[in-house]
Amino acid sequence: MSENEGIKYTWPPTEEQMEDVAVSALNRSQDKDVKVLVYWDNPTIMIFDPFHYAQTKYVNKKYDCHERTVEVIIGEID
């Protein structure tokens, strides 16, 4: 069982939670510019370079990290 399994996250995510997703996405990808989608009802699944989005509320933020960027998109539900 993963450490996040069974945890309910409140909507909208906090700035710290958004940053955690950004750091995790940068660590999982070698790309210079990273775009990641996470649905808050199951935040352990990261979708890189998304092209399809569910009908739900979204928050997004772009971060610069050294010479890389990461765009974090978090949807409320999938």
PDB file of N, CA and C in Angstrom:
ATOM      1  N   MET A   1       0.853  -1.187   0.000  1.00  0.00           N
ATOM      2  CA  MET A   1       0.000   0.000   0.000  1.00  0.00           C
ATOM      3  C   MET A   1       0.887   1.234   0.000  1.00  0.00           C
ATOM      4  N   SER A   2       0.621   2.161  -0.911  1.00  0.00           N
ATOM      5  CA  SER A   2       1.438   3.368  -0.961  1.00  0.00           C
ATOM      6  C   SER A   2       1.096   4.285   0.206  1.00  0.00           C
ATOM      7  N   GLU A   3       2.009   5.192   0.496  1.00  0.00           N
ATOM      8  CA  GLU A   3       1.808   6.081   1.640  1.00  0.00           C
ATOM      9  C   GLU A   3       0.637   7.034   1.448  1.00  0.00           C
ATOM     10  N   ASN A   4       0.266   7.331   0.182  1.00  0.00           N
ATOM     11  CA  ASN A   4      -0.836   8.257  -0.077  1.00  0.00           C
ATOM     12  C   ASN A   4      -2.167   7.562  -0.291  1.00  0.00           C
ATOM     13  N   GLU A   5      -2.161   6.235  -0.334  1.00  0.00           N
ATOM     14  CA  GLU A   5      -3.399   5.511  -0.607  1.00  0.00           C
ATOM     15  C   GLU A   5      -4.379   5.713   0.537  1.00  0.00           C
ATOM     16  N   GLY A   6      -5.596   6.019   0.202  1.00  0.00           N
ATOM     17  CA  GLY A   6      -6.634   6.203   1.207  1.00  0.00           C
ATOM     18  C   GLY A   6      -6.704   7.600   1.786  1.00  0.00           C
ATOM     19  N   ILE A   7      -5.761   8.470   1.440  1.00  0.00           N
ATOM     20  CA  ILE A   7      -5.771   9.847   1.931  1.00  0.00           C
ATOM     21  C   ILE A   7      -6.678  10.676   1.034  1.00  0.00           C
ATOM     22  N   LYS A   8      -7.568  11.458   1.646  1.00  0.00           N
ATOM     23  CA  LYS A   8      -8.425  12.367   0.886  1.00  0.00           C
ATOM     24  C   LYS A   8      -7.809  13.759   0.933  1.00  0.00           C
ATOM     25  N   TYR A   9      -7.560  14.309  -0.242  1.00  0.00           N
ATOM     26  CA  TYR A   9      -6.982  15.643  -0.335  1.00  0.00           C
ATOM     27  C   TYR A   9      -8.092  16.667  -0.479  1.00  0.00           C
ATOM     28  N   THR A  10      -7.955  17.782   0.208  1.00  0.00           N
ATOM     29  CA  THR A  10      -8.971  18.826   0.113  1.00  0.00           C
ATOM     30  C   THR A  10      -8.709  19.683  -1.117  1.00  0.00           C
ATOM     31  N   TRP A  11      -9.795  20.164  -1.710  1.00  0.00           N
ATOM     32  CA  TRP A  11      -9.727  21.002  -2.898  1.00  0.00           C
ATOM     33  C   TRP A  11      -9.889  22.446  -2.505  1.00  0.00           C
ATOM     34  N   PRO A  12      -9.189  23.370  -3.039  1.00  0.00           N
ATOM     35  CA  PRO A  12      -8.091  23.221  -3.993  1.00  0.00           C
ATOM     36  C   PRO A  12      -6.801  22.866  -3.274  1.00  0.00           C
ATOM     37  N   PRO A  13      -5.816  22.359  -4.020  1.00  0.00           N
ATOM     38  CA  PRO A  13      -4.532  22.030  -3.405  1.00  0.00           C
ATOM     39  C   PRO A  13      -3.820  23.296  -2.920  1.00  0.00           C
ATOM     40  N   THR A  14      -3.024  23.129  -1.894  1.00  0.00           N
ATOM     41  CA  THR A  14      -2.253  24.261  -1.365  1.00  0.00           C
ATOM     42  C   THR A  14      -1.050  24.526  -2.271  1.00  0.00           C
ATOM     43  N   GLU A  15      -0.421  25.661  -2.089  1.00  0.00           N
ATOM     44  CA  GLU A  15       0.787  25.992  -2.841  1.00  0.00           C
ATOM     45  C   GLU A  15       1.870  24.947  -2.580  1.00  0.00           C
ATOM     46  N   GLU A  16       1.991  24.519  -1.348  1.00  0.00           N
ATOM     47  CA  GLU A  16       2.991  23.503  -1.001  1.00  0.00           C
ATOM     48  C   GLU A  16       2.707  22.185  -1.728  1.00  0.00           C
ATOM     49  N   GLN A  17       1.447  21.792  -1.829  1.00  0.00           N
ATOM     50  CA  GLN A  17       1.094  20.567  -2.544  1.00  0.00           C
ATOM     51  C   GLN A  17       1.394  20.696  -4.039  1.00  0.00           C
ATOM     52  N   MET A  18       1.127  21.879  -4.604  1.00  0.00           N
ATOM     53  CA  MET A  18       1.456  22.121  -6.012  1.00  0.00           C
ATOM     54  C   MET A  18       2.970  22.004  -6.223  1.00  0.00           C
ATOM     55  N   GLU A  19       3.744  22.576  -5.333  1.00  0.00           N
ATOM     56  CA  GLU A  19       5.199  22.504  -5.434  1.00  0.00           C
ATOM     57  C   GLU A  19       5.694  21.069  -5.304  1.00  0.00           C
ATOM     58  N   ASP A  20       5.069  20.280  -4.422  1.00  0.00           N
ATOM     59  CA  ASP A  20       5.447  18.874  -4.267  1.00  0.00           C
ATOM     60  C   ASP A  20       5.243  18.110  -5.569  1.00  0.00           C
ATOM     61  N   VAL A  21       4.131  18.377  -6.255  1.00  0.00           N
ATOM     62  CA  VAL A  21       3.861  17.733  -7.543  1.00  0.00           C
ATOM     63  C   VAL A  21       4.913  18.172  -8.560  1.00  0.00           C
ATOM     64  N   ALA A  22       5.261  19.448  -8.555  1.00  0.00           N
ATOM     65  CA  ALA A  22       6.259  19.973  -9.492  1.00  0.00           C
ATOM     66  C   ALA A  22       7.611  19.291  -9.289  1.00  0.00           C
ATOM     67  N   VAL A  23       8.056  19.184  -8.057  1.00  0.00           N
ATOM     68  CA  VAL A  23       9.344  18.556  -7.759  1.00  0.00           C
ATOM     69  C   VAL A  23       9.318  17.083  -8.168  1.00  0.00           C
ATOM     70  N   SER A  24       8.236  16.411  -7.857  1.00  0.00           N
ATOM     71  CA  SER A  24       8.114  15.000  -8.213  1.00  0.00           C
ATOM     72  C   SER A  24       8.150  14.807  -9.729  1.00  0.00           C
ATOM     73  N   ALA A  25       7.461  15.673 -10.460  1.00  0.00           N
ATOM     74  CA  ALA A  25       7.437  15.582 -11.926  1.00  0.00           C
ATOM     75  C   ALA A  25       8.830  15.823 -12.504  1.00  0.00           C
ATOM     76  N   LEU A  26       9.546  16.803 -11.976  1.00  0.00           N
ATOM     77  CA  LEU A  26      10.911  17.067 -12.464  1.00  0.00           C
ATOM     78  C   LEU A  26      11.830  15.887 -12.178  1.00  0.00           C
ATOM     79  N   ASN A  27      11.637  15.241 -11.043  1.00  0.00           N
ATOM     80  CA  ASN A  27      12.470  14.094 -10.689  1.00  0.00           C
ATOM     81  C   ASN A  27      12.168  12.877 -11.565  1.00  0.00           C
ATOM     82  N   ARG A  28      10.959  12.769 -12.075  1.00  0.00           N
ATOM     83  CA  ARG A  28      10.560  11.610 -12.880  1.00  0.00           C
ATOM     84  C   ARG A  28      10.795  11.804 -14.374  1.00  0.00           C
ATOM     85  N   SER A  29      11.148  12.989 -14.785  1.00  0.00           N
ATOM     86  CA  SER A  29      11.338  13.271 -16.203  1.00  0.00           C
ATOM     87  C   SER A  29      12.708  13.883 -16.439  1.00  0.00           C
ATOM     88  N   GLN A  30      13.272  13.595 -17.595  1.00  0.00           N
ATOM     89  CA  GLN A  30      14.548  14.188 -17.980  1.00  0.00           C
ATOM     90  C   GLN A  30      14.355  15.354 -18.951  1.00  0.00           C
ATOM     91  N   ASP A  31      13.090  15.615 -19.343  1.00  0.00           N
ATOM     92  CA  ASP A  31      12.804  16.681 -20.294  1.00  0.00           C
ATOM     93  C   ASP A  31      13.162  18.045 -19.708  1.00  0.00           C
ATOM     94  N   LYS A  32      13.517  18.965 -20.592  1.00  0.00           N
ATOM     95  CA  LYS A  32      13.821  20.340 -20.168  1.00  0.00           C
ATOM     96  C   LYS A  32      12.549  21.049 -19.723  1.00  0.00           C
ATOM     97  N   ASP A  33      11.487  20.894 -20.512  1.00  0.00           N
ATOM     98  CA  ASP A  33      10.192  21.497 -20.193  1.00  0.00           C
ATOM     99  C   ASP A  33       9.191  20.370 -19.951  1.00  0.00           C
ATOM    100  N   VAL A  34       8.652  20.341 -18.748  1.00  0.00           N
ATOM    101  CA  VAL A  34       7.775  19.256 -18.315  1.00  0.00           C
ATOM    102  C   VAL A  34       6.361  19.804 -18.131  1.00  0.00           C
ATOM    103  N   LYS A  35       5.371  19.031 -18.595  1.00  0.00           N
ATOM    104  CA  LYS A  35       3.963  19.368 -18.381  1.00  0.00           C
ATOM    105  C   LYS A  35       3.312  18.128 -17.777  1.00  0.00           C
ATOM    106  N   VAL A  36       2.685  18.297 -16.619  1.00  0.00           N
ATOM    107  CA  VAL A  36       2.124  17.149 -15.920  1.00  0.00           C
ATOM    108  C   VAL A  36       0.704  17.455 -15.442  1.00  0.00           C
ATOM    109  N   LEU A  37      -0.158  16.452 -15.577  1.00  0.00           N
ATOM    110  CA  LEU A  37      -1.547  16.543 -15.129  1.00  0.00           C
ATOM    111  C   LEU A  37      -1.758  15.527 -14.019  1.00  0.00           C
ATOM    112  N   VAL A  38      -2.397  15.985 -12.937  1.00  0.00           N
ATOM    113  CA  VAL A  38      -2.728  15.120 -11.812  1.00  0.00           C
ATOM    114  C   VAL A  38      -4.186  15.379 -11.450  1.00  0.00           C
ATOM    115  N   TYR A  39      -4.928  14.311 -11.217  1.00  0.00           N
ATOM    116  CA  TYR A  39      -6.296  14.482 -10.716  1.00  0.00           C
ATOM    117  C   TYR A  39      -6.277  14.280  -9.208  1.00  0.00           C
ATOM    118  N   TRP A  40      -6.879  15.213  -8.491  1.00  0.00           N
ATOM    119  CA  TRP A  40      -6.768  15.288  -7.049  1.00  0.00           C
ATOM    120  C   TRP A  40      -7.483  14.149  -6.337  1.00  0.00           C
ATOM    121  N   ASP A  41      -8.385  13.434  -7.036  1.00  0.00           N
ATOM    122  CA  ASP A  41      -9.013  12.273  -6.405  1.00  0.00           C
ATOM    123  C   ASP A  41      -8.096  11.050  -6.449  1.00  0.00           C
ATOM    124  N   ASN A  42      -6.988  11.137  -7.194  1.00  0.00           N
ATOM    125  CA  ASN A  42      -5.979  10.077  -7.229  1.00  0.00           C
ATOM    126  C   ASN A  42      -4.627  10.696  -7.598  1.00  0.00           C
ATOM    127  N   PRO A  43      -4.043  11.469  -6.679  1.00  0.00           N
ATOM    128  CA  PRO A  43      -2.865  12.285  -7.005  1.00  0.00           C
ATOM    129  C   PRO A  43      -1.565  11.504  -7.191  1.00  0.00           C
ATOM    130  N   THR A  44      -1.577  10.194  -6.954  1.00  0.00           N
ATOM    131  CA  THR A  44      -0.352   9.418  -7.134  1.00  0.00           C
ATOM    132  C   THR A  44      -0.088   9.108  -8.604  1.00  0.00           C
ATOM    133  N   ILE A  45      -1.085   9.304  -9.478  1.00  0.00           N
ATOM    134  CA  ILE A  45      -0.918   9.054 -10.906  1.00  0.00           C
ATOM    135  C   ILE A  45      -0.605  10.365 -11.611  1.00  0.00           C
ATOM    136  N   MET A  46       0.549  10.413 -12.264  1.00  0.00           N
ATOM    137  CA  MET A  46       0.957  11.598 -13.016  1.00  0.00           C
ATOM    138  C   MET A  46       0.840  11.304 -14.504  1.00  0.00           C
ATOM    139  N   ILE A  47       0.226  12.222 -15.225  1.00  0.00           N
ATOM    140  CA  ILE A  47       0.076  12.096 -16.674  1.00  0.00           C
ATOM    141  C   ILE A  47       0.961  13.164 -17.307  1.00  0.00           C
ATOM    142  N   PHE A  48       2.015  12.702 -17.997  1.00  0.00           N
ATOM    143  CA  PHE A  48       2.939  13.640 -18.632  1.00  0.00           C
ATOM    144  C   PHE A  48       2.456  13.972 -20.038  1.00  0.00           C
ATOM    145  N   ASP A  49       2.625  15.217 -20.439  1.00  0.00           N
ATOM    146  CA  ASP A  49       2.200  15.708 -21.753  1.00  0.00           C
ATOM    147  C   ASP A  49       0.744  15.351 -22.055  1.00  0.00           C
ATOM    148  N   PRO A  50      -0.182  15.767 -21.178  1.00  0.00           N
ATOM    149  CA  PRO A  50      -1.590  15.401 -21.367  1.00  0.00           C
ATOM    150  C   PRO A  50      -2.182  16.033 -22.624  1.00  0.00           C
ATOM    151  N   PHE A  51      -3.128  15.319 -23.230  1.00  0.00           N
ATOM    152  CA  PHE A  51      -3.839  15.855 -24.393  1.00  0.00           C
ATOM    153  C   PHE A  51      -5.346  15.744 -24.225  1.00  0.00           C
ATOM    154  N   HIS A  52      -5.807  15.047 -23.184  1.00  0.00           N
ATOM    155  CA  HIS A  52      -7.237  14.916 -22.920  1.00  0.00           C
ATOM    156  C   HIS A  52      -7.489  15.322 -21.473  1.00  0.00           C
ATOM    157  N   TYR A  53      -8.528  16.117 -21.270  1.00  0.00           N
ATOM    158  CA  TYR A  53      -8.832  16.617 -19.937  1.00  0.00           C
ATOM    159  C   TYR A  53     -10.283  16.312 -19.587  1.00  0.00           C
ATOM    160  N   ALA A  54     -10.520  15.887 -18.353  1.00  0.00           N
ATOM    161  CA  ALA A  54     -11.879  15.616 -17.880  1.00  0.00           C
ATOM    162  C   ALA A  54     -12.626  16.934 -17.674  1.00  0.00           C
ATOM    163  N   GLN A  55     -13.932  16.852 -17.644  1.00  0.00           N
ATOM    164  CA  GLN A  55     -14.778  18.011 -17.359  1.00  0.00           C
ATOM    165  C   GLN A  55     -14.783  18.231 -15.853  1.00  0.00           C
ATOM    166  N   THR A  56     -13.914  19.093 -15.370  1.00  0.00           N
ATOM    167  CA  THR A  56     -13.800  19.366 -13.942  1.00  0.00           C
ATOM    168  C   THR A  56     -13.110  20.710 -13.747  1.00  0.00           C
ATOM    169  N   LYS A  57     -12.970  21.115 -12.502  1.00  0.00           N
ATOM    170  CA  LYS A  57     -12.239  22.348 -12.179  1.00  0.00           C
ATOM    171  C   LYS A  57     -10.738  22.046 -12.199  1.00  0.00           C
ATOM    172  N   TYR A  58      -9.952  23.045 -12.606  1.00  0.00           N
ATOM    173  CA  TYR A  58      -8.497  22.899 -12.673  1.00  0.00           C
ATOM    174  C   TYR A  58      -7.804  24.084 -12.030  1.00  0.00           C
ATOM    175  N   VAL A  59      -6.629  23.806 -11.485  1.00  0.00           N
ATOM    176  CA  VAL A  59      -5.691  24.854 -11.096  1.00  0.00           C
ATOM    177  C   VAL A  59      -4.381  24.525 -11.805  1.00  0.00           C
ATOM    178  N   ASN A  60      -3.672  25.535 -12.226  1.00  0.00           N
ATOM    179  CA  ASN A  60      -2.380  25.267 -12.852  1.00  0.00           C
ATOM    180  C   ASN A  60      -1.389  26.366 -12.512  1.00  0.00           C
ATOM    181  N   LYS A  61      -0.133  25.959 -12.550  1.00  0.00           N
ATOM    182  CA  LYS A  61       0.936  26.897 -12.235  1.00  0.00           C
ATOM    183  C   LYS A  61       2.204  26.404 -12.919  1.00  0.00           C
ATOM    184  N   LYS A  62       2.998  27.346 -13.376  1.00  0.00           N
ATOM    185  CA  LYS A  62       4.263  27.020 -14.027  1.00  0.00           C
ATOM    186  C   LYS A  62       5.403  27.450 -13.117  1.00  0.00           C
ATOM    187  N   TYR A  63       6.390  26.566 -12.991  1.00  0.00           N
ATOM    188  CA  TYR A  63       7.543  26.826 -12.142  1.00  0.00           C
ATOM    189  C   TYR A  63       8.817  26.780 -12.981  1.00  0.00           C
ATOM    190  N   ASP A  64       9.785  27.608 -12.615  1.00  0.00           N
ATOM    191  CA  ASP A  64      11.115  27.577 -13.211  1.00  0.00           C
ATOM    192  C   ASP A  64      12.057  26.962 -12.189  1.00  0.00           C
ATOM    193  N   CYS A  65      12.855  26.017 -12.650  1.00  0.00           N
ATOM    194  CA  CYS A  65      13.812  25.355 -11.764  1.00  0.00           C
ATOM    195  C   CYS A  65      15.132  25.245 -12.506  1.00  0.00           C
ATOM    196  N   HIS A  66      16.072  26.113 -12.171  1.00  0.00           N
ATOM    197  CA  HIS A  66      17.355  26.205 -12.867  1.00  0.00           C
ATOM    198  C   HIS A  66      17.064  26.463 -14.344  1.00  0.00           C
ATOM    199  N   GLU A  67      17.442  25.597 -15.245  1.00  0.00           N
ATOM    200  CA  GLU A  67      17.179  25.849 -16.666  1.00  0.00           C
ATOM    201  C   GLU A  67      16.021  25.004 -17.183  1.00  0.00           C
ATOM    202  N   ARG A  68      15.183  24.522 -16.283  1.00  0.00           N
ATOM    203  CA  ARG A  68      14.027  23.699 -16.657  1.00  0.00           C
ATOM    204  C   ARG A  68      12.749  24.391 -16.207  1.00  0.00           C
ATOM    205  N   THR A  69      11.635  23.997 -16.837  1.00  0.00           N
ATOM    206  CA  THR A  69      10.328  24.486 -16.398  1.00  0.00           C
ATOM    207  C   THR A  69       9.417  23.283 -16.182  1.00  0.00           C
ATOM    208  N   VAL A  70       8.441  23.468 -15.309  1.00  0.00           N
ATOM    209  CA  VAL A  70       7.426  22.443 -15.108  1.00  0.00           C
ATOM    210  C   VAL A  70       6.071  23.151 -14.982  1.00  0.00           C
ATOM    211  N   GLU A  71       5.122  22.698 -15.783  1.00  0.00           N
ATOM    212  CA  GLU A  71       3.755  23.201 -15.695  1.00  0.00           C
ATOM    213  C   GLU A  71       2.927  22.131 -14.999  1.00  0.00           C
ATOM    214  N   VAL A  72       2.356  22.495 -13.870  1.00  0.00           N
ATOM    215  CA  VAL A  72       1.547  21.579 -13.068  1.00  0.00           C
ATOM    216  C   VAL A  72       0.077  21.920 -13.285  1.00  0.00           C
ATOM    217  N   ILE A  73      -0.702  20.922 -13.689  1.00  0.00           N
ATOM    218  CA  ILE A  73      -2.139  21.077 -13.870  1.00  0.00           C
ATOM    219  C   ILE A  73      -2.801  20.063 -12.942  1.00  0.00           C
ATOM    220  N   ILE A  74      -3.634  20.548 -12.050  1.00  0.00           N
ATOM    221  CA  ILE A  74      -4.317  19.643 -11.125  1.00  0.00           C
ATOM    222  C   ILE A  74      -5.820  19.790 -11.337  1.00  0.00           C
ATOM    223  N   GLY A  75      -6.452  18.657 -11.649  1.00  0.00           N
ATOM    224  CA  GLY A  75      -7.901  18.608 -11.817  1.00  0.00           C
ATOM    225  C   GLY A  75      -8.552  18.108 -10.551  1.00  0.00           C
ATOM    226  N   GLU A  76      -9.741  18.597 -10.266  1.00  0.00           N
ATOM    227  CA  GLU A  76     -10.409  18.198  -9.022  1.00  0.00           C
ATOM    228  C   GLU A  76     -10.774  16.710  -9.045  1.00  0.00           C
ATOM    229  N   ILE A  77     -11.443  16.266 -10.087  1.00  0.00           N
ATOM    230  CA  ILE A  77     -11.823  14.851 -10.207  1.00  0.00           C
ATOM    231  C   ILE A  77     -11.635  14.379 -11.625  1.00  0.00           C
ATOM    232  N   ASP A  78     -11.424  13.076 -11.796  1.00  0.00           N
ATOM    233  CA  ASP A  78     -11.238  12.484 -13.123  1.00  0.00           C
ATOM    234  C   ASP A  78     -12.577  11.982 -13.649  1.00  0.00           C
TER     235      ASP A  78
END
